[in-house]
Amino acid sequence: MIYNLEERTAKFGENVIKLCQTVQITEITKAIVNQLIRSATSVGANYMEANQSSSNKDFRNKIKIAQKEANESKHWLRMLAIAYPIKIQECRVLWKEAHELTLILASISRKCQAK
């Protein structure tokens, strides 16, 4: 288990890219893959931006965006599993990671609001 959240969010994006590179592109999968890559790679990008934020408000905002992108990734992974069932197991593993990231980022967000 990776506990460095910056590394973990980056690995999540990388693993989604690797999965998407193995998907046969059709009219349906093209749209799903595009959206999935955008949301999955945005998790780490927004987390990194949060770590370089200039204020607590900016930090909270970027963490919330990262949380939303992780949650959105779960949706696209579910859609990909239906559109390309040969990759259902890989989608399930990545969905679980997206879910864990969503929970972690939501916890960080709640702690920021409590301060």
PDB file of N, CA and C in Angstrom:
ATOM      1  N   MET A   1       0.852  -1.192   0.000  1.00  0.00           N
ATOM      2  CA  MET A   1       0.000   0.000   0.000  1.00  0.00           C
ATOM      3  C   MET A   1       0.890   1.245   0.000  1.00  0.00           C
ATOM      4  N   ILE A   2       0.587   2.169  -0.885  1.00  0.00           N
ATOM      5  CA  ILE A   2       1.346   3.416  -0.959  1.00  0.00           C
ATOM      6  C   ILE A   2       0.679   4.437  -0.043  1.00  0.00           C
ATOM      7  N   TYR A   3       1.437   4.979   0.915  1.00  0.00           N
ATOM      8  CA  TYR A   3       0.886   5.948   1.857  1.00  0.00           C
ATOM      9  C   TYR A   3       1.219   7.384   1.472  1.00  0.00           C
ATOM     10  N   ASN A   4       2.172   7.575   0.557  1.00  0.00           N
ATOM     11  CA  ASN A   4       2.467   8.902   0.046  1.00  0.00           C
ATOM     12  C   ASN A   4       1.358   9.230  -0.943  1.00  0.00           C
ATOM     13  N   LEU A   5       0.475  10.136  -0.560  1.00  0.00           N
ATOM     14  CA  LEU A   5      -0.716  10.398  -1.365  1.00  0.00           C
ATOM     15  C   LEU A   5      -0.387  11.002  -2.725  1.00  0.00           C
ATOM     16  N   GLU A   6       0.673  11.796  -2.804  1.00  0.00           N
ATOM     17  CA  GLU A   6       1.070  12.349  -4.097  1.00  0.00           C
ATOM     18  C   GLU A   6       1.472  11.217  -5.045  1.00  0.00           C
ATOM     19  N   GLU A   7       2.250  10.279  -4.539  1.00  0.00           N
ATOM     20  CA  GLU A   7       2.665   9.127  -5.346  1.00  0.00           C
ATOM     21  C   GLU A   7       1.468   8.232  -5.671  1.00  0.00           C
ATOM     22  N   ARG A   8       0.616   8.037  -4.696  1.00  0.00           N
ATOM     23  CA  ARG A   8      -0.551   7.158  -4.892  1.00  0.00           C
ATOM     24  C   ARG A   8      -1.497   7.716  -5.952  1.00  0.00           C
ATOM     25  N   THR A   9      -1.745   9.013  -5.920  1.00  0.00           N
ATOM     26  CA  THR A   9      -2.636   9.596  -6.933  1.00  0.00           C
ATOM     27  C   THR A   9      -1.995   9.559  -8.316  1.00  0.00           C
ATOM     28  N   ALA A  10      -0.678   9.747  -8.374  1.00  0.00           N
ATOM     29  CA  ALA A  10       0.033   9.657  -9.658  1.00  0.00           C
ATOM     30  C   ALA A  10      -0.032   8.231 -10.195  1.00  0.00           C
ATOM     31  N   LYS A  11       0.193   7.242  -9.335  1.00  0.00           N
ATOM     32  CA  LYS A  11       0.132   5.834  -9.744  1.00  0.00           C
ATOM     33  C   LYS A  11      -1.258   5.476 -10.248  1.00  0.00           C
ATOM     34  N   PHE A  12      -2.278   6.019  -9.601  1.00  0.00           N
ATOM     35  CA  PHE A  12      -3.647   5.760 -10.049  1.00  0.00           C
ATOM     36  C   PHE A  12      -3.823   6.246 -11.493  1.00  0.00           C
ATOM     37  N   GLY A  13      -3.397   7.463 -11.761  1.00  0.00           N
ATOM     38  CA  GLY A  13      -3.478   7.986 -13.124  1.00  0.00           C
ATOM     39  C   GLY A  13      -2.685   7.147 -14.112  1.00  0.00           C
ATOM     40  N   GLU A  14      -1.476   6.765 -13.724  1.00  0.00           N
ATOM     41  CA  GLU A  14      -0.629   5.929 -14.588  1.00  0.00           C
ATOM     42  C   GLU A  14      -1.295   4.591 -14.890  1.00  0.00           C
ATOM     43  N   ASN A  15      -1.871   3.975 -13.864  1.00  0.00           N
ATOM     44  CA  ASN A  15      -2.500   2.673 -14.052  1.00  0.00           C
ATOM     45  C   ASN A  15      -3.749   2.760 -14.932  1.00  0.00           C
ATOM     46  N   VAL A  16      -4.461   3.858 -14.830  1.00  0.00           N
ATOM     47  CA  VAL A  16      -5.612   4.058 -15.712  1.00  0.00           C
ATOM     48  C   VAL A  16      -5.130   4.229 -17.156  1.00  0.00           C
ATOM     49  N   ILE A  17      -4.072   4.984 -17.356  1.00  0.00           N
ATOM     50  CA  ILE A  17      -3.519   5.142 -18.710  1.00  0.00           C
ATOM     51  C   ILE A  17      -3.111   3.782 -19.271  1.00  0.00           C
ATOM     52  N   LYS A  18      -2.418   2.985 -18.466  1.00  0.00           N
ATOM     53  CA  LYS A  18      -1.990   1.654 -18.921  1.00  0.00           C
ATOM     54  C   LYS A  18      -3.187   0.789 -19.300  1.00  0.00           C
ATOM     55  N   LEU A  19      -4.239   0.829 -18.493  1.00  0.00           N
ATOM     56  CA  LEU A  19      -5.447   0.075 -18.815  1.00  0.00           C
ATOM     57  C   LEU A  19      -6.035   0.558 -20.139  1.00  0.00           C
ATOM     58  N   CYS A  20      -6.165   1.859 -20.273  1.00  0.00           N
ATOM     59  CA  CYS A  20      -6.796   2.426 -21.476  1.00  0.00           C
ATOM     60  C   CYS A  20      -6.000   2.119 -22.741  1.00  0.00           C
ATOM     61  N   GLN A  21      -4.700   1.962 -22.609  1.00  0.00           N
ATOM     62  CA  GLN A  21      -3.873   1.614 -23.767  1.00  0.00           C
ATOM     63  C   GLN A  21      -4.154   0.202 -24.271  1.00  0.00           C
ATOM     64  N   THR A  22      -4.800  -0.622 -23.451  1.00  0.00           N
ATOM     65  CA  THR A  22      -5.107  -1.998 -23.845  1.00  0.00           C
ATOM     66  C   THR A  22      -6.534  -2.154 -24.366  1.00  0.00           C
ATOM     67  N   VAL A  23      -7.298  -1.086 -24.341  1.00  0.00           N
ATOM     68  CA  VAL A  23      -8.694  -1.138 -24.772  1.00  0.00           C
ATOM     69  C   VAL A  23      -8.789  -0.953 -26.277  1.00  0.00           C
ATOM     70  N   GLN A  24      -9.546  -1.831 -26.908  1.00  0.00           N
ATOM     71  CA  GLN A  24      -9.809  -1.669 -28.341  1.00  0.00           C
ATOM     72  C   GLN A  24     -10.743  -0.471 -28.512  1.00  0.00           C
ATOM     73  N   ILE A  25     -10.305   0.484 -29.310  1.00  0.00           N
ATOM     74  CA  ILE A  25     -11.066   1.719 -29.463  1.00  0.00           C
ATOM     75  C   ILE A  25     -12.189   1.532 -30.487  1.00  0.00           C
ATOM     76  N   THR A  26     -13.398   1.782 -30.006  1.00  0.00           N
ATOM     77  CA  THR A  26     -14.595   1.815 -30.843  1.00  0.00           C
ATOM     78  C   THR A  26     -15.231   3.182 -30.629  1.00  0.00           C
ATOM     79  N   GLU A  27     -16.333   3.427 -31.286  1.00  0.00           N
ATOM     80  CA  GLU A  27     -17.025   4.708 -31.092  1.00  0.00           C
ATOM     81  C   GLU A  27     -17.422   4.898 -29.624  1.00  0.00           C
ATOM     82  N   ILE A  28     -17.823   3.830 -28.981  1.00  0.00           N
ATOM     83  CA  ILE A  28     -18.253   3.901 -27.579  1.00  0.00           C
ATOM     84  C   ILE A  28     -17.064   3.995 -26.636  1.00  0.00           C
ATOM     85  N   THR A  29     -16.093   3.101 -26.795  1.00  0.00           N
ATOM     86  CA  THR A  29     -14.970   3.094 -25.855  1.00  0.00           C
ATOM     87  C   THR A  29     -14.117   4.345 -25.982  1.00  0.00           C
ATOM     88  N   LYS A  30     -14.066   4.936 -27.164  1.00  0.00           N
ATOM     89  CA  LYS A  30     -13.260   6.151 -27.342  1.00  0.00           C
ATOM     90  C   LYS A  30     -13.717   7.250 -26.393  1.00  0.00           C
ATOM     91  N   ALA A  31     -15.015   7.474 -26.321  1.00  0.00           N
ATOM     92  CA  ALA A  31     -15.553   8.526 -25.447  1.00  0.00           C
ATOM     93  C   ALA A  31     -15.297   8.206 -23.975  1.00  0.00           C
ATOM     94  N   ILE A  32     -15.495   6.958 -23.601  1.00  0.00           N
ATOM     95  CA  ILE A  32     -15.305   6.559 -22.204  1.00  0.00           C
ATOM     96  C   ILE A  32     -13.840   6.670 -21.805  1.00  0.00           C
ATOM     97  N   VAL A  33     -12.952   6.158 -22.651  1.00  0.00           N
ATOM     98  CA  VAL A  33     -11.513   6.207 -22.367  1.00  0.00           C
ATOM     99  C   VAL A  33     -11.051   7.650 -22.227  1.00  0.00           C
ATOM    100  N   ASN A  34     -11.509   8.514 -23.120  1.00  0.00           N
ATOM    101  CA  ASN A  34     -11.129   9.924 -23.063  1.00  0.00           C
ATOM    102  C   ASN A  34     -11.535  10.542 -21.726  1.00  0.00           C
ATOM    103  N   GLN A  35     -12.766  10.333 -21.325  1.00  0.00           N
ATOM    104  CA  GLN A  35     -13.263  10.904 -20.067  1.00  0.00           C
ATOM    105  C   GLN A  35     -12.545  10.290 -18.862  1.00  0.00           C
ATOM    106  N   LEU A  36     -12.319   8.982 -18.911  1.00  0.00           N
ATOM    107  CA  LEU A  36     -11.654   8.293 -17.800  1.00  0.00           C
ATOM    108  C   LEU A  36     -10.229   8.801 -17.609  1.00  0.00           C
ATOM    109  N   ILE A  37      -9.489   8.927 -18.681  1.00  0.00           N
ATOM    110  CA  ILE A  37      -8.111   9.422 -18.565  1.00  0.00           C
ATOM    111  C   ILE A  37      -8.097  10.843 -18.014  1.00  0.00           C
ATOM    112  N   ARG A  38      -9.013  11.664 -18.477  1.00  0.00           N
ATOM    113  CA  ARG A  38      -9.072  13.054 -17.991  1.00  0.00           C
ATOM    114  C   ARG A  38      -9.341  13.119 -16.490  1.00  0.00           C
ATOM    115  N   SER A  39     -10.337  12.363 -16.038  1.00  0.00           N
ATOM    116  CA  SER A  39     -10.676  12.431 -14.611  1.00  0.00           C
ATOM    117  C   SER A  39      -9.608  11.765 -13.742  1.00  0.00           C
ATOM    118  N   ALA A  40      -9.101  10.620 -14.179  1.00  0.00           N
ATOM    119  CA  ALA A  40      -8.125   9.884 -13.362  1.00  0.00           C
ATOM    120  C   ALA A  40      -6.807  10.626 -13.212  1.00  0.00           C
ATOM    121  N   THR A  41      -6.342  11.260 -14.278  1.00  0.00           N
ATOM    122  CA  THR A  41      -5.081  11.994 -14.183  1.00  0.00           C
ATOM    123  C   THR A  41      -5.259  13.336 -13.472  1.00  0.00           C
ATOM    124  N   SER A  42      -6.483  13.825 -13.454  1.00  0.00           N
ATOM    125  CA  SER A  42      -6.772  15.084 -12.768  1.00  0.00           C
ATOM    126  C   SER A  42      -6.702  14.945 -11.249  1.00  0.00           C
ATOM    127  N   VAL A  43      -6.922  13.746 -10.741  1.00  0.00           N
ATOM    128  CA  VAL A  43      -6.853  13.530  -9.286  1.00  0.00           C
ATOM    129  C   VAL A  43      -5.482  13.943  -8.770  1.00  0.00           C
ATOM    130  N   GLY A  44      -4.437  13.381  -9.361  1.00  0.00           N
ATOM    131  CA  GLY A  44      -3.073  13.689  -8.925  1.00  0.00           C
ATOM    132  C   GLY A  44      -2.677  15.122  -9.212  1.00  0.00           C
ATOM    133  N   ALA A  45      -3.096  15.639 -10.354  1.00  0.00           N
ATOM    134  CA  ALA A  45      -2.753  17.024 -10.707  1.00  0.00           C
ATOM    135  C   ALA A  45      -3.332  18.000  -9.692  1.00  0.00           C
ATOM    136  N   ASN A  46      -4.573  17.784  -9.310  1.00  0.00           N
ATOM    137  CA  ASN A  46      -5.193  18.685  -8.332  1.00  0.00           C
ATOM    138  C   ASN A  46      -4.639  18.486  -6.937  1.00  0.00           C
ATOM    139  N   TYR A  47      -4.261  17.260  -6.603  1.00  0.00           N
ATOM    140  CA  TYR A  47      -3.637  17.035  -5.297  1.00  0.00           C
ATOM    141  C   TYR A  47      -2.289  17.753  -5.230  1.00  0.00           C
ATOM    142  N   MET A  48      -1.514  17.677  -6.303  1.00  0.00           N
ATOM    143  CA  MET A  48      -0.227  18.381  -6.340  1.00  0.00           C
ATOM    144  C   MET A  48      -0.437  19.896  -6.248  1.00  0.00           C
ATOM    145  N   GLU A  49      -1.452  20.403  -6.949  1.00  0.00           N
ATOM    146  CA  GLU A  49      -1.751  21.838  -6.864  1.00  0.00           C
ATOM    147  C   GLU A  49      -2.137  22.222  -5.438  1.00  0.00           C
ATOM    148  N   ALA A  50      -2.888  21.358  -4.770  1.00  0.00           N
ATOM    149  CA  ALA A  50      -3.287  21.641  -3.383  1.00  0.00           C
ATOM    150  C   ALA A  50      -2.057  21.781  -2.498  1.00  0.00           C
ATOM    151  N   ASN A  51      -1.083  20.912  -2.712  1.00  0.00           N
ATOM    152  CA  ASN A  51       0.131  20.951  -1.898  1.00  0.00           C
ATOM    153  C   ASN A  51       0.963  22.203  -2.140  1.00  0.00           C
ATOM    154  N   GLN A  52       0.751  22.867  -3.256  1.00  0.00           N
ATOM    155  CA  GLN A  52       1.472  24.107  -3.555  1.00  0.00           C
ATOM    156  C   GLN A  52       0.576  25.338  -3.407  1.00  0.00           C
ATOM    157  N   SER A  53      -0.570  25.172  -2.781  1.00  0.00           N
ATOM    158  CA  SER A  53      -1.534  26.266  -2.688  1.00  0.00           C
ATOM    159  C   SER A  53      -1.000  27.409  -1.830  1.00  0.00           C
ATOM    160  N   SER A  54      -1.543  28.573  -2.098  1.00  0.00           N
ATOM    161  CA  SER A  54      -1.083  29.781  -1.410  1.00  0.00           C
ATOM    162  C   SER A  54      -1.938  30.137  -0.198  1.00  0.00           C
ATOM    163  N   SER A  55      -3.062  29.428  -0.014  1.00  0.00           N
ATOM    164  CA  SER A  55      -3.935  29.707   1.122  1.00  0.00           C
ATOM    165  C   SER A  55      -4.701  28.455   1.518  1.00  0.00           C
ATOM    166  N   ASN A  56      -5.265  28.475   2.707  1.00  0.00           N
ATOM    167  CA  ASN A  56      -6.080  27.343   3.166  1.00  0.00           C
ATOM    168  C   ASN A  56      -7.313  27.164   2.284  1.00  0.00           C
ATOM    169  N   LYS A  57      -7.897  28.256   1.859  1.00  0.00           N
ATOM    170  CA  LYS A  57      -9.082  28.202   0.996  1.00  0.00           C
ATOM    171  C   LYS A  57      -8.734  27.541  -0.340  1.00  0.00           C
ATOM    172  N   ASP A  58      -7.602  27.915  -0.919  1.00  0.00           N
ATOM    173  CA  ASP A  58      -7.156  27.323  -2.178  1.00  0.00           C
ATOM    174  C   ASP A  58      -6.866  25.837  -1.979  1.00  0.00           C
ATOM    175  N   PHE A  59      -6.239  25.475  -0.866  1.00  0.00           N
ATOM    176  CA  PHE A  59      -5.959  24.071  -0.566  1.00  0.00           C
ATOM    177  C   PHE A  59      -7.252  23.261  -0.521  1.00  0.00           C
ATOM    178  N   ARG A  60      -8.241  23.749   0.236  1.00  0.00           N
ATOM    179  CA  ARG A  60      -9.529  23.058   0.354  1.00  0.00           C
ATOM    180  C   ARG A  60     -10.195  22.890  -1.011  1.00  0.00           C
ATOM    181  N   ASN A  61     -10.138  23.937  -1.814  1.00  0.00           N
ATOM    182  CA  ASN A  61     -10.761  23.899  -3.138  1.00  0.00           C
ATOM    183  C   ASN A  61     -10.117  22.825  -4.018  1.00  0.00           C
ATOM    184  N   LYS A  62      -8.802  22.782  -4.048  1.00  0.00           N
ATOM    185  CA  LYS A  62      -8.097  21.795  -4.885  1.00  0.00           C
ATOM    186  C   LYS A  62      -8.315  20.370  -4.376  1.00  0.00           C
ATOM    187  N   ILE A  63      -8.357  20.191  -3.060  1.00  0.00           N
ATOM    188  CA  ILE A  63      -8.630  18.868  -2.492  1.00  0.00           C
ATOM    189  C   ILE A  63     -10.033  18.423  -2.876  1.00  0.00           C
ATOM    190  N   LYS A  64     -10.988  19.333  -2.812  1.00  0.00           N
ATOM    191  CA  LYS A  64     -12.370  19.015  -3.175  1.00  0.00           C
ATOM    192  C   LYS A  64     -12.462  18.637  -4.655  1.00  0.00           C
ATOM    193  N   ILE A  65     -11.732  19.344  -5.512  1.00  0.00           N
ATOM    194  CA  ILE A  65     -11.724  19.009  -6.942  1.00  0.00           C
ATOM    195  C   ILE A  65     -11.108  17.626  -7.151  1.00  0.00           C
ATOM    196  N   ALA A  66     -10.007  17.333  -6.479  1.00  0.00           N
ATOM    197  CA  ALA A  66      -9.375  16.014  -6.588  1.00  0.00           C
ATOM    198  C   ALA A  66     -10.345  14.928  -6.142  1.00  0.00           C
ATOM    199  N   GLN A  67     -11.074  15.182  -5.076  1.00  0.00           N
ATOM    200  CA  GLN A  67     -12.069  14.232  -4.576  1.00  0.00           C
ATOM    201  C   GLN A  67     -13.151  13.987  -5.631  1.00  0.00           C
ATOM    202  N   LYS A  68     -13.653  15.048  -6.227  1.00  0.00           N
ATOM    203  CA  LYS A  68     -14.695  14.920  -7.254  1.00  0.00           C
ATOM    204  C   LYS A  68     -14.185  14.161  -8.473  1.00  0.00           C
ATOM    205  N   GLU A  69     -12.936  14.396  -8.849  1.00  0.00           N
ATOM    206  CA  GLU A  69     -12.357  13.701 -10.006  1.00  0.00           C
ATOM    207  C   GLU A  69     -12.172  12.207  -9.714  1.00  0.00           C
ATOM    208  N   ALA A  70     -11.782  11.872  -8.494  1.00  0.00           N
ATOM    209  CA  ALA A  70     -11.661  10.459  -8.111  1.00  0.00           C
ATOM    210  C   ALA A  70     -13.030   9.785  -8.161  1.00  0.00           C
ATOM    211  N   ASN A  71     -14.027  10.491  -7.668  1.00  0.00           N
ATOM    212  CA  ASN A  71     -15.390   9.961  -7.691  1.00  0.00           C
ATOM    213  C   ASN A  71     -15.890   9.797  -9.127  1.00  0.00           C
ATOM    214  N   GLU A  72     -15.604  10.774  -9.977  1.00  0.00           N
ATOM    215  CA  GLU A  72     -15.996  10.685 -11.384  1.00  0.00           C
ATOM    216  C   GLU A  72     -15.296   9.507 -12.065  1.00  0.00           C
ATOM    217  N   SER A  73     -14.059   9.263 -11.706  1.00  0.00           N
ATOM    218  CA  SER A  73     -13.314   8.140 -12.280  1.00  0.00           C
ATOM    219  C   SER A  73     -14.020   6.818 -12.015  1.00  0.00           C
ATOM    220  N   LYS A  74     -14.643   6.697 -10.844  1.00  0.00           N
ATOM    221  CA  LYS A  74     -15.401   5.487 -10.525  1.00  0.00           C
ATOM    222  C   LYS A  74     -16.519   5.278 -11.553  1.00  0.00           C
ATOM    223  N   HIS A  75     -17.197   6.340 -11.910  1.00  0.00           N
ATOM    224  CA  HIS A  75     -18.274   6.253 -12.907  1.00  0.00           C
ATOM    225  C   HIS A  75     -17.744   5.748 -14.242  1.00  0.00           C
ATOM    226  N   TRP A  76     -16.654   6.357 -14.718  1.00  0.00           N
ATOM    227  CA  TRP A  76     -16.118   5.979 -16.021  1.00  0.00           C
ATOM    228  C   TRP A  76     -15.542   4.570 -16.013  1.00  0.00           C
ATOM    229  N   LEU A  77     -14.979   4.139 -14.894  1.00  0.00           N
ATOM    230  CA  LEU A  77     -14.501   2.758 -14.798  1.00  0.00           C
ATOM    231  C   LEU A  77     -15.667   1.776 -14.880  1.00  0.00           C
ATOM    232  N   ARG A  78     -16.764   2.130 -14.254  1.00  0.00           N
ATOM    233  CA  ARG A  78     -17.965   1.293 -14.341  1.00  0.00           C
ATOM    234  C   ARG A  78     -18.462   1.216 -15.782  1.00  0.00           C
ATOM    235  N   MET A  79     -18.493   2.341 -16.463  1.00  0.00           N
ATOM    236  CA  MET A  79     -18.944   2.368 -17.857  1.00  0.00           C
ATOM    237  C   MET A  79     -18.000   1.561 -18.756  1.00  0.00           C
ATOM    238  N   LEU A  80     -16.696   1.674 -18.511  1.00  0.00           N
ATOM    239  CA  LEU A  80     -15.725   0.929 -19.313  1.00  0.00           C
ATOM    240  C   LEU A  80     -15.890  -0.576 -19.099  1.00  0.00           C
ATOM    241  N   ALA A  81     -16.163  -0.987 -17.871  1.00  0.00           N
ATOM    242  CA  ALA A  81     -16.364  -2.409 -17.578  1.00  0.00           C
ATOM    243  C   ALA A  81     -17.551  -2.963 -18.364  1.00  0.00           C
ATOM    244  N   ILE A  82     -18.552  -2.155 -18.588  1.00  0.00           N
ATOM    245  CA  ILE A  82     -19.724  -2.580 -19.371  1.00  0.00           C
ATOM    246  C   ILE A  82     -19.409  -2.551 -20.868  1.00  0.00           C
ATOM    247  N   ALA A  83     -18.744  -1.501 -21.302  1.00  0.00           N
ATOM    248  CA  ALA A  83     -18.457  -1.338 -22.732  1.00  0.00           C
ATOM    249  C   ALA A  83     -17.381  -2.296 -23.222  1.00  0.00           C
ATOM    250  N   TYR A  84     -16.493  -2.694 -22.325  1.00  0.00           N
ATOM    251  CA  TYR A  84     -15.363  -3.560 -22.705  1.00  0.00           C
ATOM    252  C   TYR A  84     -15.161  -4.609 -21.613  1.00  0.00           C
ATOM    253  N   PRO A  85     -16.090  -5.576 -21.515  1.00  0.00           N
ATOM    254  CA  PRO A  85     -16.102  -6.520 -20.391  1.00  0.00           C
ATOM    255  C   PRO A  85     -14.852  -7.380 -20.241  1.00  0.00           C
ATOM    256  N   ILE A  86     -14.052  -7.481 -21.265  1.00  0.00           N
ATOM    257  CA  ILE A  86     -12.816  -8.260 -21.146  1.00  0.00           C
ATOM    258  C   ILE A  86     -11.873  -7.645 -20.094  1.00  0.00           C
ATOM    259  N   LYS A  87     -12.056  -6.386 -19.786  1.00  0.00           N
ATOM    260  CA  LYS A  87     -11.213  -5.688 -18.803  1.00  0.00           C
ATOM    261  C   LYS A  87     -11.936  -5.433 -17.481  1.00  0.00           C
ATOM    262  N   ILE A  88     -12.996  -6.186 -17.213  1.00  0.00           N
ATOM    263  CA  ILE A  88     -13.798  -5.938 -16.016  1.00  0.00           C
ATOM    264  C   ILE A  88     -12.990  -6.058 -14.724  1.00  0.00           C
ATOM    265  N   GLN A  89     -12.098  -7.042 -14.652  1.00  0.00           N
ATOM    266  CA  GLN A  89     -11.320  -7.238 -13.423  1.00  0.00           C
ATOM    267  C   GLN A  89     -10.391  -6.048 -13.166  1.00  0.00           C
ATOM    268  N   GLU A  90      -9.715  -5.577 -14.202  1.00  0.00           N
ATOM    269  CA  GLU A  90      -8.832  -4.416 -14.056  1.00  0.00           C
ATOM    270  C   GLU A  90      -9.639  -3.183 -13.661  1.00  0.00           C
ATOM    271  N   CYS A  91     -10.827  -3.049 -14.234  1.00  0.00           N
ATOM    272  CA  CYS A  91     -11.697  -1.919 -13.884  1.00  0.00           C
ATOM    273  C   CYS A  91     -12.110  -1.987 -12.417  1.00  0.00           C
ATOM    274  N   ARG A  92     -12.388  -3.186 -11.936  1.00  0.00           N
ATOM    275  CA  ARG A  92     -12.781  -3.351 -10.522  1.00  0.00           C
ATOM    276  C   ARG A  92     -11.656  -2.955  -9.579  1.00  0.00           C
ATOM    277  N   VAL A  93     -10.440  -3.361  -9.904  1.00  0.00           N
ATOM    278  CA  VAL A  93      -9.285  -3.018  -9.064  1.00  0.00           C
ATOM    279  C   VAL A  93      -9.093  -1.501  -9.033  1.00  0.00           C
ATOM    280  N   LEU A  94      -9.170  -0.877 -10.200  1.00  0.00           N
ATOM    281  CA  LEU A  94      -8.991   0.577 -10.261  1.00  0.00           C
ATOM    282  C   LEU A  94     -10.171   1.309  -9.638  1.00  0.00           C
ATOM    283  N   TRP A  95     -11.378   0.758  -9.757  1.00  0.00           N
ATOM    284  CA  TRP A  95     -12.552   1.356  -9.120  1.00  0.00           C
ATOM    285  C   TRP A  95     -12.352   1.387  -7.604  1.00  0.00           C
ATOM    286  N   LYS A  96     -11.841   0.278  -7.063  1.00  0.00           N
ATOM    287  CA  LYS A  96     -11.584   0.205  -5.614  1.00  0.00           C
ATOM    288  C   LYS A  96     -10.574   1.278  -5.196  1.00  0.00           C
ATOM    289  N   GLU A  97      -9.527   1.453  -5.978  1.00  0.00           N
ATOM    290  CA  GLU A  97      -8.529   2.482  -5.661  1.00  0.00           C
ATOM    291  C   GLU A  97      -9.151   3.875  -5.762  1.00  0.00           C
ATOM    292  N   ALA A  98      -9.959   4.106  -6.787  1.00  0.00           N
ATOM    293  CA  ALA A  98     -10.638   5.401  -6.923  1.00  0.00           C
ATOM    294  C   ALA A  98     -11.548   5.655  -5.732  1.00  0.00           C
ATOM    295  N   HIS A  99     -12.212   4.615  -5.271  1.00  0.00           N
ATOM    296  CA  HIS A  99     -13.099   4.739  -4.107  1.00  0.00           C
ATOM    297  C   HIS A  99     -12.295   5.093  -2.855  1.00  0.00           C
ATOM    298  N   GLU A 100     -11.191   4.398  -2.646  1.00  0.00           N
ATOM    299  CA  GLU A 100     -10.346   4.697  -1.486  1.00  0.00           C
ATOM    300  C   GLU A 100      -9.805   6.123  -1.549  1.00  0.00           C
ATOM    301  N   LEU A 101      -9.376   6.537  -2.732  1.00  0.00           N
ATOM    302  CA  LEU A 101      -8.890   7.918  -2.888  1.00  0.00           C
ATOM    303  C   LEU A 101      -9.999   8.926  -2.600  1.00  0.00           C
ATOM    304  N   THR A 102     -11.206   8.633  -3.063  1.00  0.00           N
ATOM    305  CA  THR A 102     -12.349   9.515  -2.790  1.00  0.00           C
ATOM    306  C   THR A 102     -12.558   9.659  -1.292  1.00  0.00           C
ATOM    307  N   LEU A 103     -12.515   8.547  -0.573  1.00  0.00           N
ATOM    308  CA  LEU A 103     -12.716   8.589   0.880  1.00  0.00           C
ATOM    309  C   LEU A 103     -11.598   9.348   1.589  1.00  0.00           C
ATOM    310  N   ILE A 104     -10.362   9.119   1.175  1.00  0.00           N
ATOM    311  CA  ILE A 104      -9.216   9.814   1.778  1.00  0.00           C
ATOM    312  C   ILE A 104      -9.322  11.318   1.547  1.00  0.00           C
ATOM    313  N   LEU A 105      -9.590  11.695   0.309  1.00  0.00           N
ATOM    314  CA  LEU A 105      -9.682  13.122  -0.028  1.00  0.00           C
ATOM    315  C   LEU A 105     -10.879  13.777   0.654  1.00  0.00           C
ATOM    316  N   ALA A 106     -11.980  13.045   0.795  1.00  0.00           N
ATOM    317  CA  ALA A 106     -13.153  13.574   1.508  1.00  0.00           C
ATOM    318  C   ALA A 106     -12.818  13.809   2.979  1.00  0.00           C
ATOM    319  N   SER A 107     -12.035  12.915   3.558  1.00  0.00           N
ATOM    320  CA  SER A 107     -11.618  13.067   4.949  1.00  0.00           C
ATOM    321  C   SER A 107     -10.739  14.308   5.123  1.00  0.00           C
ATOM    322  N   ILE A 108      -9.806  14.487   4.197  1.00  0.00           N
ATOM    323  CA  ILE A 108      -8.947  15.677   4.240  1.00  0.00           C
ATOM    324  C   ILE A 108      -9.799  16.931   4.120  1.00  0.00           C
ATOM    325  N   SER A 109     -10.752  16.910   3.208  1.00  0.00           N
ATOM    326  CA  SER A 109     -11.633  18.057   2.993  1.00  0.00           C
ATOM    327  C   SER A 109     -12.440  18.389   4.252  1.00  0.00           C
ATOM    328  N   ARG A 110     -12.986  17.344   4.891  1.00  0.00           N
ATOM    329  CA  ARG A 110     -13.760  17.558   6.123  1.00  0.00           C
ATOM    330  C   ARG A 110     -12.885  18.155   7.230  1.00  0.00           C
ATOM    331  N   LYS A 111     -11.654  17.664   7.354  1.00  0.00           N
ATOM    332  CA  LYS A 111     -10.754  18.169   8.386  1.00  0.00           C
ATOM    333  C   LYS A 111     -10.410  19.635   8.136  1.00  0.00           C
ATOM    334  N   CYS A 112     -10.297  20.010   6.866  1.00  0.00           N
ATOM    335  CA  CYS A 112     -10.015  21.412   6.527  1.00  0.00           C
ATOM    336  C   CYS A 112     -11.196  22.308   6.909  1.00  0.00           C
ATOM    337  N   GLN A 113     -12.395  21.823   6.688  1.00  0.00           N
ATOM    338  CA  GLN A 113     -13.586  22.605   7.008  1.00  0.00           C
ATOM    339  C   GLN A 113     -13.771  22.763   8.505  1.00  0.00           C
ATOM    340  N   ALA A 114     -13.307  21.772   9.261  1.00  0.00           N
ATOM    341  CA  ALA A 114     -13.452  21.810  10.713  1.00  0.00           C
ATOM    342  C   ALA A 114     -12.533  22.828  11.360  1.00  0.00           C
ATOM    343  N   LYS A 115     -11.450  23.194  10.659  1.00  0.00           N
ATOM    344  CA  LYS A 115     -10.479  24.140  11.240  1.00  0.00           C
ATOM    345  C   LYS A 115     -10.981  25.559  11.205  1.00  0.00           C
TER     346      LYS A 115
END
